[in-house]
Amino acid sequence: MTTPDLRTTYLGLELSNPVVASASPLSGSLDTLRRLEDAGAGAVVLQSLFEEQIEHEELHVHHVMEAGAGTQPETCAYFPELDDYNTGPRAYLDHLEAARSAIDIPVIASLNGSTAGGWVRYARLMGEAGADAIELNVHFVPTDPTVSGAEVEARYLDLVAAVRRATRVPLAVKIGPHFSSLPHVARRLVEAGADGLVLFNRFLEPDIDLETLTVTPTVHLSTPDELRLPLRWIAVLHGQVACSLAATTGVHGPRDAIKLLLAGADVTMMASALLLQGPERMREVRDGIAEWLAEREYDSVAQMKGSMSRRSVADPGDYERANYMRALTGYVVGR
């Protein structure tokens, strides 16, 4: 039996296979990065550098330089909790350089925020530190009823365009699904300079503590049931936008990754499963993909990729309203 070729291309980078470690605390350690590489990761995305960390550093520097000149000292503690989150901006760049030297697979840096601000400068510095690509993790929750959907989209586009002007490093944009016309936004993001789209960002919603009556942060790891949202939109966008497509959220096993590749993903990203089961879970997913391809006599990932996308299936309505109607009318109570 011939061994299938698992290679894929993402953001112009040739990867040995389509299983990528998504941004998570696991990538904060060189030891864990080596374990991910040994387990067969095609690439790794470092944990995010937050916009607030950049601002915190800049506020601190400003305070030191203006000490005694009437500045507000409390501004330096505006984001005090970030002192204990992974690394600060300068240490992040040091970790990026160390990671690039420690492993041979592509290392993708990650910026998380909602405005240009210090992103532009740090995107350039990340490129200089050796990042093979940069993932812009755009996390903007509009709460002002006077801000239109068009204004929200313009914010994304301006951010991507600003970073694109600052660096030649390949750019992926990680977005959420909440746009009135996702295909239109996807096309505009590519026109603004995105080389790839990562679908989707999991915006972690807060909860209310009934004992203390406080709003509390929550972290809920993904489940395979969340796979269907990126699967649908990867299938819709495949062949319609001239960029790489990465699927994230809900990838826990080989079958999850295979479905997304059939839909048209160039890579599938994992985080929750690795946090739950360890970096070695990545090897099981990679080997499971190879076994499935061999059993069905596929020569390569490239051969099967996109073969179940919207433009390739017999009835494109399966990814549209027809699916909704069939699912509801065909549901059997008590099944």
C-alpha atoms as a PDB file:
ATOM      1  CA  MET A   1       0.000   0.000   0.000  1.00  0.00           C
ATOM      2  CA  THR A   2       1.446   3.352  -1.077  1.00  0.00           C
ATOM      3  CA  THR A   3       1.895   5.913   1.693  1.00  0.00           C
ATOM      4  CA  PRO A   4      -0.232   8.987   0.909  1.00  0.00           C
ATOM      5  CA  ASP A   5       1.469  12.351   0.546  1.00  0.00           C
ATOM      6  CA  LEU A   6       0.254  14.487   3.469  1.00  0.00           C
ATOM      7  CA  ARG A   7       1.940  17.708   2.373  1.00  0.00           C
ATOM      8  CA  THR A   8      -0.121  20.870   2.085  1.00  0.00           C
ATOM      9  CA  THR A   9       0.516  24.551   1.449  1.00  0.00           C
ATOM     10  CA  TYR A  10      -0.620  27.211   3.911  1.00  0.00           C
ATOM     11  CA  LEU A  11       0.124  30.945   3.554  1.00  0.00           C
ATOM     12  CA  GLY A  12       2.688  30.040   0.919  1.00  0.00           C
ATOM     13  CA  LEU A  13       4.482  27.716   3.354  1.00  0.00           C
ATOM     14  CA  GLU A  14       4.893  24.049   2.506  1.00  0.00           C
ATOM     15  CA  LEU A  15       3.917  21.918   5.519  1.00  0.00           C
ATOM     16  CA  SER A  16       4.632  18.224   5.983  1.00  0.00           C
ATOM     17  CA  ASN A  17       0.984  17.647   6.894  1.00  0.00           C
ATOM     18  CA  PRO A  18      -2.202  19.676   7.490  1.00  0.00           C
ATOM     19  CA  VAL A  19      -2.393  19.336  11.297  1.00  0.00           C
ATOM     20  CA  VAL A  20      -1.338  22.575  12.994  1.00  0.00           C
ATOM     21  CA  ALA A  21      -1.116  23.435  16.689  1.00  0.00           C
ATOM     22  CA  SER A  22      -3.294  26.495  17.212  1.00  0.00           C
ATOM     23  CA  ALA A  23      -2.473  29.339  19.613  1.00  0.00           C
ATOM     24  CA  SER A  24      -2.675  28.113  23.208  1.00  0.00           C
ATOM     25  CA  PRO A  25      -0.635  28.074  26.426  1.00  0.00           C
ATOM     26  CA  LEU A  26       1.127  24.963  25.105  1.00  0.00           C
ATOM     27  CA  SER A  27       3.236  27.058  22.755  1.00  0.00           C
ATOM     28  CA  GLY A  28       4.604  29.156  25.599  1.00  0.00           C
ATOM     29  CA  SER A  29       7.229  26.532  26.436  1.00  0.00           C
ATOM     30  CA  LEU A  30      10.140  25.476  24.229  1.00  0.00           C
ATOM     31  CA  ASP A  31       9.889  21.957  25.668  1.00  0.00           C
ATOM     32  CA  THR A  32       6.240  21.683  24.626  1.00  0.00           C
ATOM     33  CA  LEU A  33       7.006  23.130  21.210  1.00  0.00           C
ATOM     34  CA  ARG A  34       9.547  20.361  20.712  1.00  0.00           C
ATOM     35  CA  ARG A  35       6.960  17.791  21.807  1.00  0.00           C
ATOM     36  CA  LEU A  36       4.491  19.193  19.279  1.00  0.00           C
ATOM     37  CA  GLU A  37       7.105  18.945  16.548  1.00  0.00           C
ATOM     38  CA  ASP A  38       7.998  15.388  17.574  1.00  0.00           C
ATOM     39  CA  ALA A  39       4.285  14.490  17.510  1.00  0.00           C
ATOM     40  CA  GLY A  40       4.088  15.568  13.884  1.00  0.00           C
ATOM     41  CA  ALA A  41       2.706  19.093  13.927  1.00  0.00           C
ATOM     42  CA  GLY A  42       2.868  20.639  10.470  1.00  0.00           C
ATOM     43  CA  ALA A  43       3.338  24.076  12.073  1.00  0.00           C
ATOM     44  CA  VAL A  44       2.686  25.847  15.362  1.00  0.00           C
ATOM     45  CA  VAL A  45       0.947  29.105  16.203  1.00  0.00           C
ATOM     46  CA  LEU A  46       2.404  30.777  19.279  1.00  0.00           C
ATOM     47  CA  GLN A  47       0.090  31.985  22.006  1.00  0.00           C
ATOM     48  CA  SER A  48      -1.164  35.481  21.359  1.00  0.00           C
ATOM     49  CA  LEU A  49       0.471  38.772  22.188  1.00  0.00           C
ATOM     50  CA  PHE A  50      -2.438  40.942  23.319  1.00  0.00           C
ATOM     51  CA  GLU A  51      -2.972  44.529  22.253  1.00  0.00           C
ATOM     52  CA  GLU A  52      -3.433  45.401  25.933  1.00  0.00           C
ATOM     53  CA  GLN A  53       0.039  44.062  26.721  1.00  0.00           C
ATOM     54  CA  ILE A  54       1.520  46.375  24.109  1.00  0.00           C
ATOM     55  CA  GLU A  55      -0.427  49.316  25.503  1.00  0.00           C
ATOM     56  CA  HIS A  56       0.551  48.394  29.061  1.00  0.00           C
ATOM     57  CA  GLU A  57       4.233  48.438  28.162  1.00  0.00           C
ATOM     58  CA  GLU A  58       3.922  51.748  26.341  1.00  0.00           C
ATOM     59  CA  LEU A  59       2.042  53.321  29.265  1.00  0.00           C
ATOM     60  CA  HIS A  60       4.716  52.109  31.669  1.00  0.00           C
ATOM     61  CA  VAL A  61       7.528  53.512  29.546  1.00  0.00           C
ATOM     62  CA  HIS A  62       5.699  56.825  29.263  1.00  0.00           C
ATOM     63  CA  HIS A  63       5.213  56.958  33.041  1.00  0.00           C
ATOM     64  CA  VAL A  64       8.890  56.317  33.753  1.00  0.00           C
ATOM     65  CA  MET A  65       9.976  58.973  31.295  1.00  0.00           C
ATOM     66  CA  GLU A  66       7.478  61.492  32.669  1.00  0.00           C
ATOM     67  CA  ALA A  67       7.935  60.691  36.373  1.00  0.00           C
ATOM     68  CA  GLY A  68       7.422  63.827  38.449  1.00  0.00           C
ATOM     69  CA  ALA A  69       5.911  65.738  35.543  1.00  0.00           C
ATOM     70  CA  GLY A  70       2.324  65.467  36.675  1.00  0.00           C
ATOM     71  CA  THR A  71       1.427  62.203  34.925  1.00  0.00           C
ATOM     72  CA  GLN A  72      -1.186  59.854  36.350  1.00  0.00           C
ATOM     73  CA  PRO A  73       0.566  56.922  38.058  1.00  0.00           C
ATOM     74  CA  GLU A  74      -2.600  54.849  38.133  1.00  0.00           C
ATOM     75  CA  THR A  75      -2.483  54.511  34.346  1.00  0.00           C
ATOM     76  CA  CYS A  76       0.481  52.199  34.722  1.00  0.00           C
ATOM     77  CA  ALA A  77      -1.712  49.679  36.535  1.00  0.00           C
ATOM     78  CA  TYR A  78      -4.579  49.766  34.062  1.00  0.00           C
ATOM     79  CA  PHE A  79      -3.862  46.176  32.975  1.00  0.00           C
ATOM     80  CA  PRO A  80      -2.022  44.798  36.036  1.00  0.00           C
ATOM     81  CA  GLU A  81      -3.250  41.246  35.533  1.00  0.00           C
ATOM     82  CA  LEU A  82      -1.316  41.010  32.264  1.00  0.00           C
ATOM     83  CA  ASP A  83       1.987  41.002  34.148  1.00  0.00           C
ATOM     84  CA  ASP A  84       1.381  37.342  34.922  1.00  0.00           C
ATOM     85  CA  TYR A  85       0.077  36.310  31.482  1.00  0.00           C
ATOM     86  CA  ASN A  86       2.725  34.400  29.498  1.00  0.00           C
ATOM     87  CA  THR A  87       5.101  37.193  28.452  1.00  0.00           C
ATOM     88  CA  GLY A  88       5.265  40.896  27.794  1.00  0.00           C
ATOM     89  CA  PRO A  89       5.902  42.287  24.309  1.00  0.00           C
ATOM     90  CA  ARG A  90       9.711  42.213  24.480  1.00  0.00           C
ATOM     91  CA  ALA A  91       9.815  38.783  26.094  1.00  0.00           C
ATOM     92  CA  TYR A  92       7.377  37.560  23.423  1.00  0.00           C
ATOM     93  CA  LEU A  93       9.850  38.486  20.698  1.00  0.00           C
ATOM     94  CA  ASP A  94      12.633  36.723  22.607  1.00  0.00           C
ATOM     95  CA  HIS A  95      10.468  33.594  22.870  1.00  0.00           C
ATOM     96  CA  LEU A  96       9.680  33.791  19.156  1.00  0.00           C
ATOM     97  CA  GLU A  97      13.389  33.918  18.289  1.00  0.00           C
ATOM     98  CA  ALA A  98      14.105  31.009  20.630  1.00  0.00           C
ATOM     99  CA  ALA A  99      11.248  28.968  19.185  1.00  0.00           C
ATOM    100  CA  ARG A 100      12.453  29.584  15.657  1.00  0.00           C
ATOM    101  CA  SER A 101      15.854  28.182  16.650  1.00  0.00           C
ATOM    102  CA  ALA A 102      14.496  25.281  18.690  1.00  0.00           C
ATOM    103  CA  ILE A 103      12.235  23.656  16.077  1.00  0.00           C
ATOM    104  CA  ASP A 104      12.353  23.161  12.313  1.00  0.00           C
ATOM    105  CA  ILE A 105       8.642  23.439  11.476  1.00  0.00           C
ATOM    106  CA  PRO A 106       7.106  26.863  10.635  1.00  0.00           C
ATOM    107  CA  VAL A 107       6.421  29.132  13.607  1.00  0.00           C
ATOM    108  CA  ILE A 108       3.480  31.512  13.276  1.00  0.00           C
ATOM    109  CA  ALA A 109       3.282  34.496  15.620  1.00  0.00           C
ATOM    110  CA  SER A 110      -0.107  35.695  16.879  1.00  0.00           C
ATOM    111  CA  LEU A 111      -1.433  39.182  17.602  1.00  0.00           C
ATOM    112  CA  ASN A 112      -4.755  39.539  19.429  1.00  0.00           C
ATOM    113  CA  GLY A 113      -6.598  42.847  19.494  1.00  0.00           C
ATOM    114  CA  SER A 114      -9.130  45.148  17.854  1.00  0.00           C
ATOM    115  CA  THR A 115      -7.295  48.329  16.804  1.00  0.00           C
ATOM    116  CA  ALA A 116      -4.116  49.050  14.863  1.00  0.00           C
ATOM    117  CA  GLY A 117      -2.232  50.722  17.728  1.00  0.00           C
ATOM    118  CA  GLY A 118       1.002  48.921  18.493  1.00  0.00           C
ATOM    119  CA  TRP A 119       0.064  45.995  16.241  1.00  0.00           C
ATOM    120  CA  VAL A 120       1.723  47.531  13.228  1.00  0.00           C
ATOM    121  CA  ARG A 121       5.090  47.989  14.919  1.00  0.00           C
ATOM    122  CA  TYR A 122       5.038  44.579  16.570  1.00  0.00           C
ATOM    123  CA  ALA A 123       3.990  42.844  13.374  1.00  0.00           C
ATOM    124  CA  ARG A 124       7.126  44.231  11.783  1.00  0.00           C
ATOM    125  CA  LEU A 125       9.241  43.192  14.788  1.00  0.00           C
ATOM    126  CA  MET A 126       7.763  39.687  14.678  1.00  0.00           C
ATOM    127  CA  GLY A 127       8.854  39.371  11.081  1.00  0.00           C
ATOM    128  CA  GLU A 128      12.332  40.541  11.994  1.00  0.00           C
ATOM    129  CA  ALA A 129      12.411  38.029  14.876  1.00  0.00           C
ATOM    130  CA  GLY A 130      11.928  35.186  12.397  1.00  0.00           C
ATOM    131  CA  ALA A 131       8.172  34.505  12.333  1.00  0.00           C
ATOM    132  CA  ASP A 132       7.291  32.477   9.246  1.00  0.00           C
ATOM    133  CA  ALA A 133       3.851  34.096   9.275  1.00  0.00           C
ATOM    134  CA  ILE A 134       1.610  36.204  11.509  1.00  0.00           C
ATOM    135  CA  GLU A 135      -1.921  35.403  12.603  1.00  0.00           C
ATOM    136  CA  LEU A 136      -4.052  38.471  13.333  1.00  0.00           C
ATOM    137  CA  ASN A 137      -6.571  37.325  15.908  1.00  0.00           C
ATOM    138  CA  VAL A 138      -9.192  40.060  15.633  1.00  0.00           C
ATOM    139  CA  HIS A 139     -11.373  40.183  18.743  1.00  0.00           C
ATOM    140  CA  PHE A 140     -13.782  43.104  18.555  1.00  0.00           C
ATOM    141  CA  VAL A 141     -17.215  42.940  20.207  1.00  0.00           C
ATOM    142  CA  PRO A 142     -19.336  45.915  19.042  1.00  0.00           C
ATOM    143  CA  THR A 143     -21.577  47.181  21.846  1.00  0.00           C
ATOM    144  CA  ASP A 144     -22.417  50.681  20.572  1.00  0.00           C
ATOM    145  CA  PRO A 145     -25.803  50.681  18.769  1.00  0.00           C
ATOM    146  CA  THR A 146     -24.718  53.684  16.700  1.00  0.00           C
ATOM    147  CA  VAL A 147     -21.893  51.676  15.074  1.00  0.00           C
ATOM    148  CA  SER A 148     -23.055  50.031  11.843  1.00  0.00           C
ATOM    149  CA  GLY A 149     -22.040  46.679  10.424  1.00  0.00           C
ATOM    150  CA  ALA A 150     -20.205  48.505   7.638  1.00  0.00           C
ATOM    151  CA  GLU A 151     -18.154  50.407  10.221  1.00  0.00           C
ATOM    152  CA  VAL A 152     -17.258  47.169  11.994  1.00  0.00           C
ATOM    153  CA  GLU A 153     -16.120  45.636   8.708  1.00  0.00           C
ATOM    154  CA  ALA A 154     -14.107  48.754   7.892  1.00  0.00           C
ATOM    155  CA  ARG A 155     -12.290  48.379  11.203  1.00  0.00           C
ATOM    156  CA  TYR A 156     -11.184  44.876  10.240  1.00  0.00           C
ATOM    157  CA  LEU A 157     -10.125  45.984   6.779  1.00  0.00           C
ATOM    158  CA  ASP A 158      -8.170  48.999   8.034  1.00  0.00           C
ATOM    159  CA  LEU A 159      -6.348  46.828  10.567  1.00  0.00           C
ATOM    160  CA  VAL A 160      -5.342  44.230   7.986  1.00  0.00           C
ATOM    161  CA  ALA A 161      -4.254  46.893   5.502  1.00  0.00           C
ATOM    162  CA  ALA A 162      -2.128  48.656   8.143  1.00  0.00           C
ATOM    163  CA  VAL A 163      -0.331  45.454   9.130  1.00  0.00           C
ATOM    164  CA  ARG A 164       0.103  44.459   5.492  1.00  0.00           C
ATOM    165  CA  ARG A 165       1.887  47.733   4.803  1.00  0.00           C
ATOM    166  CA  ALA A 166       4.201  47.176   7.774  1.00  0.00           C
ATOM    167  CA  THR A 167       5.492  43.699   6.910  1.00  0.00           C
ATOM    168  CA  ARG A 168       5.981  41.299   4.025  1.00  0.00           C
ATOM    169  CA  VAL A 169       5.501  38.271   6.256  1.00  0.00           C
ATOM    170  CA  PRO A 170       2.445  36.187   5.245  1.00  0.00           C
ATOM    171  CA  LEU A 171      -0.701  37.221   7.125  1.00  0.00           C
ATOM    172  CA  ALA A 172      -3.597  35.083   8.304  1.00  0.00           C
ATOM    173  CA  VAL A 173      -6.680  36.737   9.790  1.00  0.00           C
ATOM    174  CA  LYS A 174      -8.639  34.872  12.455  1.00  0.00           C
ATOM    175  CA  ILE A 175     -12.217  36.104  12.553  1.00  0.00           C
ATOM    176  CA  GLY A 176     -15.574  35.223  14.052  1.00  0.00           C
ATOM    177  CA  PRO A 177     -18.619  34.105  12.058  1.00  0.00           C
ATOM    178  CA  HIS A 178     -20.866  37.053  12.912  1.00  0.00           C
ATOM    179  CA  PHE A 179     -20.994  38.974   9.648  1.00  0.00           C
ATOM    180  CA  SER A 180     -24.134  39.529   7.600  1.00  0.00           C
ATOM    181  CA  SER A 181     -22.272  38.396   4.458  1.00  0.00           C
ATOM    182  CA  LEU A 182     -19.222  36.378   5.377  1.00  0.00           C
ATOM    183  CA  PRO A 183     -18.147  35.660   1.775  1.00  0.00           C
ATOM    184  CA  HIS A 184     -18.132  39.403   1.020  1.00  0.00           C
ATOM    185  CA  VAL A 185     -16.049  40.176   4.117  1.00  0.00           C
ATOM    186  CA  ALA A 186     -13.687  37.327   3.288  1.00  0.00           C
ATOM    187  CA  ARG A 187     -13.091  38.700  -0.196  1.00  0.00           C
ATOM    188  CA  ARG A 188     -12.509  42.219   1.138  1.00  0.00           C
ATOM    189  CA  LEU A 189     -10.019  40.949   3.734  1.00  0.00           C
ATOM    190  CA  VAL A 190      -8.023  39.242   0.994  1.00  0.00           C
ATOM    191  CA  GLU A 191      -8.089  42.452  -1.045  1.00  0.00           C
ATOM    192  CA  ALA A 192      -6.803  44.311   2.037  1.00  0.00           C
ATOM    193  CA  GLY A 193      -3.793  42.013   2.251  1.00  0.00           C
ATOM    194  CA  ALA A 194      -4.770  38.783   4.017  1.00  0.00           C
ATOM    195  CA  ASP A 195      -2.996  35.694   2.691  1.00  0.00           C
ATOM    196  CA  GLY A 196      -5.250  33.378   4.646  1.00  0.00           C
ATOM    197  CA  LEU A 197      -8.362  33.199   6.814  1.00  0.00           C
ATOM    198  CA  VAL A 198      -8.720  31.203  10.038  1.00  0.00           C
ATOM    199  CA  LEU A 199     -12.309  30.135  10.747  1.00  0.00           C
ATOM    200  CA  PHE A 200     -13.362  30.699  13.457  1.00  0.00           C
ATOM    201  CA  ASN A 201     -12.344  32.680  16.508  1.00  0.00           C
ATOM    202  CA  ARG A 202     -14.084  31.352  19.635  1.00  0.00           C
ATOM    203  CA  PHE A 203     -15.154  34.454  21.506  1.00  0.00           C
ATOM    204  CA  LEU A 204     -15.244  33.307  25.126  1.00  0.00           C
ATOM    205  CA  GLU A 205     -18.419  34.639  26.720  1.00  0.00           C
ATOM    206  CA  PRO A 206     -18.494  35.769  30.367  1.00  0.00           C
ATOM    207  CA  ASP A 207     -20.783  34.348  33.029  1.00  0.00           C
ATOM    208  CA  ILE A 208     -22.484  35.797  36.127  1.00  0.00           C
ATOM    209  CA  ASP A 209     -21.544  34.486  39.560  1.00  0.00           C
ATOM    210  CA  LEU A 210     -24.823  34.319  41.504  1.00  0.00           C
ATOM    211  CA  GLU A 211     -23.037  34.265  44.875  1.00  0.00           C
ATOM    212  CA  THR A 212     -20.860  37.332  44.401  1.00  0.00           C
ATOM    213  CA  LEU A 213     -22.983  39.036  41.702  1.00  0.00           C
ATOM    214  CA  THR A 214     -19.933  39.633  39.574  1.00  0.00           C
ATOM    215  CA  VAL A 215     -19.234  39.081  35.910  1.00  0.00           C
ATOM    216  CA  THR A 216     -16.681  36.296  35.671  1.00  0.00           C
ATOM    217  CA  PRO A 217     -14.481  35.079  32.797  1.00  0.00           C
ATOM    218  CA  THR A 218     -14.963  31.528  31.576  1.00  0.00           C
ATOM    219  CA  VAL A 219     -12.925  29.131  29.491  1.00  0.00           C
ATOM    220  CA  HIS A 220     -14.819  26.282  27.855  1.00  0.00           C
ATOM    221  CA  LEU A 221     -12.768  24.018  25.631  1.00  0.00           C
ATOM    222  CA  SER A 222     -14.278  23.140  22.280  1.00  0.00           C
ATOM    223  CA  THR A 223     -16.123  19.922  21.453  1.00  0.00           C
ATOM    224  CA  PRO A 224     -16.425  18.067  18.122  1.00  0.00           C
ATOM    225  CA  ASP A 225     -20.022  19.341  17.869  1.00  0.00           C
ATOM    226  CA  GLU A 226     -18.632  22.819  17.138  1.00  0.00           C
ATOM    227  CA  LEU A 227     -17.005  21.533  13.967  1.00  0.00           C
ATOM    228  CA  ARG A 228     -20.006  22.103  11.719  1.00  0.00           C
ATOM    229  CA  LEU A 229     -19.843  25.900  11.690  1.00  0.00           C
ATOM    230  CA  PRO A 230     -16.317  26.154  10.231  1.00  0.00           C
ATOM    231  CA  LEU A 231     -17.053  23.127   8.031  1.00  0.00           C
ATOM    232  CA  ARG A 232     -19.953  24.879   6.303  1.00  0.00           C
ATOM    233  CA  TRP A 233     -18.111  28.141   5.702  1.00  0.00           C
ATOM    234  CA  ILE A 234     -14.870  26.488   4.607  1.00  0.00           C
ATOM    235  CA  ALA A 235     -16.951  24.553   2.070  1.00  0.00           C
ATOM    236  CA  VAL A 236     -18.643  27.759   0.896  1.00  0.00           C
ATOM    237  CA  LEU A 237     -15.452  29.825   0.634  1.00  0.00           C
ATOM    238  CA  HIS A 238     -13.295  27.162  -1.023  1.00  0.00           C
ATOM    239  CA  GLY A 239     -12.648  28.282  -4.573  1.00  0.00           C
ATOM    240  CA  GLN A 240     -14.328  31.651  -4.015  1.00  0.00           C
ATOM    241  CA  VAL A 241     -11.521  33.500  -2.237  1.00  0.00           C
ATOM    242  CA  ALA A 242      -7.906  33.550  -3.397  1.00  0.00           C
ATOM    243  CA  CYS A 243      -6.287  32.699  -0.076  1.00  0.00           C
ATOM    244  CA  SER A 244      -5.436  29.862   2.273  1.00  0.00           C
ATOM    245  CA  LEU A 245      -8.195  28.533   4.511  1.00  0.00           C
ATOM    246  CA  ALA A 246      -7.532  27.214   8.016  1.00  0.00           C
ATOM    247  CA  ALA A 247     -10.222  25.476  10.051  1.00  0.00           C
ATOM    248  CA  THR A 248     -10.175  25.675  13.813  1.00  0.00           C
ATOM    249  CA  THR A 249     -12.634  24.814  16.606  1.00  0.00           C
ATOM    250  CA  GLY A 250     -13.870  21.276  17.163  1.00  0.00           C
ATOM    251  CA  VAL A 251     -10.896  19.347  15.758  1.00  0.00           C
ATOM    252  CA  HIS A 252     -10.414  16.545  18.268  1.00  0.00           C
ATOM    253  CA  GLY A 253      -9.768  13.473  16.121  1.00  0.00           C
ATOM    254  CA  PRO A 254      -8.816  12.279  12.637  1.00  0.00           C
ATOM    255  CA  ARG A 255     -12.403  12.238  11.361  1.00  0.00           C
ATOM    256  CA  ASP A 256     -12.853  15.900  12.311  1.00  0.00           C
ATOM    257  CA  ALA A 257      -9.744  16.902  10.382  1.00  0.00           C
ATOM    258  CA  ILE A 258     -10.696  14.748   7.375  1.00  0.00           C
ATOM    259  CA  LYS A 259     -14.129  16.358   7.098  1.00  0.00           C
ATOM    260  CA  LEU A 260     -12.618  19.841   7.087  1.00  0.00           C
ATOM    261  CA  LEU A 261     -10.043  18.905   4.469  1.00  0.00           C
ATOM    262  CA  LEU A 262     -12.782  17.467   2.267  1.00  0.00           C
ATOM    263  CA  ALA A 263     -14.668  20.746   2.691  1.00  0.00           C
ATOM    264  CA  GLY A 264     -11.625  22.655   1.407  1.00  0.00           C
ATOM    265  CA  ALA A 265      -9.401  23.547   4.363  1.00  0.00           C
ATOM    266  CA  ASP A 266      -5.671  23.785   3.690  1.00  0.00           C
ATOM    267  CA  VAL A 267      -4.915  23.052   7.340  1.00  0.00           C
ATOM    268  CA  THR A 268      -6.827  22.026  10.435  1.00  0.00           C
ATOM    269  CA  MET A 269      -5.856  23.564  13.759  1.00  0.00           C
ATOM    270  CA  MET A 270      -6.000  21.970  17.190  1.00  0.00           C
ATOM    271  CA  ALA A 271      -5.859  23.417  20.692  1.00  0.00           C
ATOM    272  CA  SER A 272      -8.543  22.022  23.042  1.00  0.00           C
ATOM    273  CA  ALA A 273      -7.779  18.374  22.250  1.00  0.00           C
ATOM    274  CA  LEU A 274      -4.086  18.984  22.872  1.00  0.00           C
ATOM    275  CA  LEU A 275      -4.804  20.682  26.183  1.00  0.00           C
ATOM    276  CA  LEU A 276      -7.011  17.762  27.217  1.00  0.00           C
ATOM    277  CA  GLN A 277      -4.911  14.867  25.916  1.00  0.00           C
ATOM    278  CA  GLY A 278      -1.421  16.269  25.466  1.00  0.00           C
ATOM    279  CA  PRO A 279       0.663  17.171  22.403  1.00  0.00           C
ATOM    280  CA  GLU A 280       0.946  13.505  21.408  1.00  0.00           C
ATOM    281  CA  ARG A 281      -2.711  13.545  20.325  1.00  0.00           C
ATOM    282  CA  MET A 282      -1.487  15.354  17.216  1.00  0.00           C
ATOM    283  CA  ARG A 283       0.352  12.249  16.027  1.00  0.00           C
ATOM    284  CA  GLU A 284      -2.853  10.188  16.273  1.00  0.00           C
ATOM    285  CA  VAL A 285      -4.730  12.721  14.157  1.00  0.00           C
ATOM    286  CA  ARG A 286      -1.986  12.908  11.526  1.00  0.00           C
ATOM    287  CA  ASP A 287      -1.677   9.123  11.311  1.00  0.00           C
ATOM    288  CA  GLY A 288      -5.453   8.756  11.204  1.00  0.00           C
ATOM    289  CA  ILE A 289      -5.630  11.033   8.170  1.00  0.00           C
ATOM    290  CA  ALA A 290      -2.944   8.983   6.408  1.00  0.00           C
ATOM    291  CA  GLU A 291      -4.750   5.723   7.198  1.00  0.00           C
ATOM    292  CA  TRP A 292      -8.080   7.038   5.888  1.00  0.00           C
ATOM    293  CA  LEU A 293      -6.476   8.256   2.659  1.00  0.00           C
ATOM    294  CA  ALA A 294      -4.708   4.932   2.106  1.00  0.00           C
ATOM    295  CA  GLU A 295      -7.876   2.895   2.708  1.00  0.00           C
ATOM    296  CA  ARG A 296      -9.714   4.919   0.062  1.00  0.00           C
ATOM    297  CA  GLU A 297      -6.773   4.929  -2.328  1.00  0.00           C
ATOM    298  CA  TYR A 298      -6.164   8.657  -2.280  1.00  0.00           C
ATOM    299  CA  ASP A 299      -2.648   9.557  -3.336  1.00  0.00           C
ATOM    300  CA  SER A 300      -2.442  12.776  -1.338  1.00  0.00           C
ATOM    301  CA  VAL A 301      -4.155  15.391   0.783  1.00  0.00           C
ATOM    302  CA  ALA A 302      -4.137  17.617  -2.289  1.00  0.00           C
ATOM    303  CA  GLN A 303      -6.246  15.082  -4.184  1.00  0.00           C
ATOM    304  CA  MET A 304      -9.031  14.950  -1.601  1.00  0.00           C
ATOM    305  CA  LYS A 305      -8.944  18.597  -0.494  1.00  0.00           C
ATOM    306  CA  GLY A 306     -12.112  20.455  -1.435  1.00  0.00           C
ATOM    307  CA  SER A 307     -13.755  17.438  -3.053  1.00  0.00           C
ATOM    308  CA  MET A 308     -16.775  17.964  -0.785  1.00  0.00           C
ATOM    309  CA  SER A 309     -16.850  21.771  -0.994  1.00  0.00           C
ATOM    310  CA  ARG A 310     -19.973  23.622  -2.075  1.00  0.00           C
ATOM    311  CA  ARG A 311     -18.769  23.963  -5.644  1.00  0.00           C
ATOM    312  CA  SER A 312     -17.890  20.253  -5.893  1.00  0.00           C
ATOM    313  CA  VAL A 313     -20.950  18.478  -4.456  1.00  0.00           C
ATOM    314  CA  ALA A 314     -23.898  17.497  -6.652  1.00  0.00           C
ATOM    315  CA  ASP A 315     -26.317  19.743  -4.755  1.00  0.00           C
ATOM    316  CA  PRO A 316     -24.825  23.020  -3.444  1.00  0.00           C
ATOM    317  CA  GLY A 317     -28.045  23.486  -1.472  1.00  0.00           C
ATOM    318  CA  ASP A 318     -26.689  20.952   0.998  1.00  0.00           C
ATOM    319  CA  TYR A 319     -24.653  23.821   2.433  1.00  0.00           C
ATOM    320  CA  GLU A 320     -27.504  26.318   2.233  1.00  0.00           C
ATOM    321  CA  ARG A 321     -31.207  26.479   3.111  1.00  0.00           C
ATOM    322  CA  ALA A 322     -31.943  22.987   1.793  1.00  0.00           C
ATOM    323  CA  ASN A 323     -29.912  21.459   4.623  1.00  0.00           C
ATOM    324  CA  TYR A 324     -31.995  23.358   7.172  1.00  0.00           C
ATOM    325  CA  MET A 325     -35.263  22.139   5.662  1.00  0.00           C
ATOM    326  CA  ARG A 326     -34.163  18.519   5.301  1.00  0.00           C
ATOM    327  CA  ALA A 327     -32.785  18.401   8.823  1.00  0.00           C
ATOM    328  CA  LEU A 328     -36.007  19.671  10.419  1.00  0.00           C
ATOM    329  CA  THR A 329     -38.505  17.803   8.256  1.00  0.00           C
ATOM    330  CA  GLY A 330     -36.542  14.565   8.554  1.00  0.00           C
ATOM    331  CA  TYR A 331     -36.105  14.669  12.320  1.00  0.00           C
ATOM    332  CA  VAL A 332     -37.731  11.787  14.138  1.00  0.00           C
ATOM    333  CA  VAL A 333     -38.902  12.502  17.710  1.00  0.00           C
ATOM    334  CA  GLY A 334     -37.341  10.147  20.236  1.00  0.00           C
ATOM    335  CA  ARG A 335     -34.669   8.917  17.891  1.00  0.00           C
END
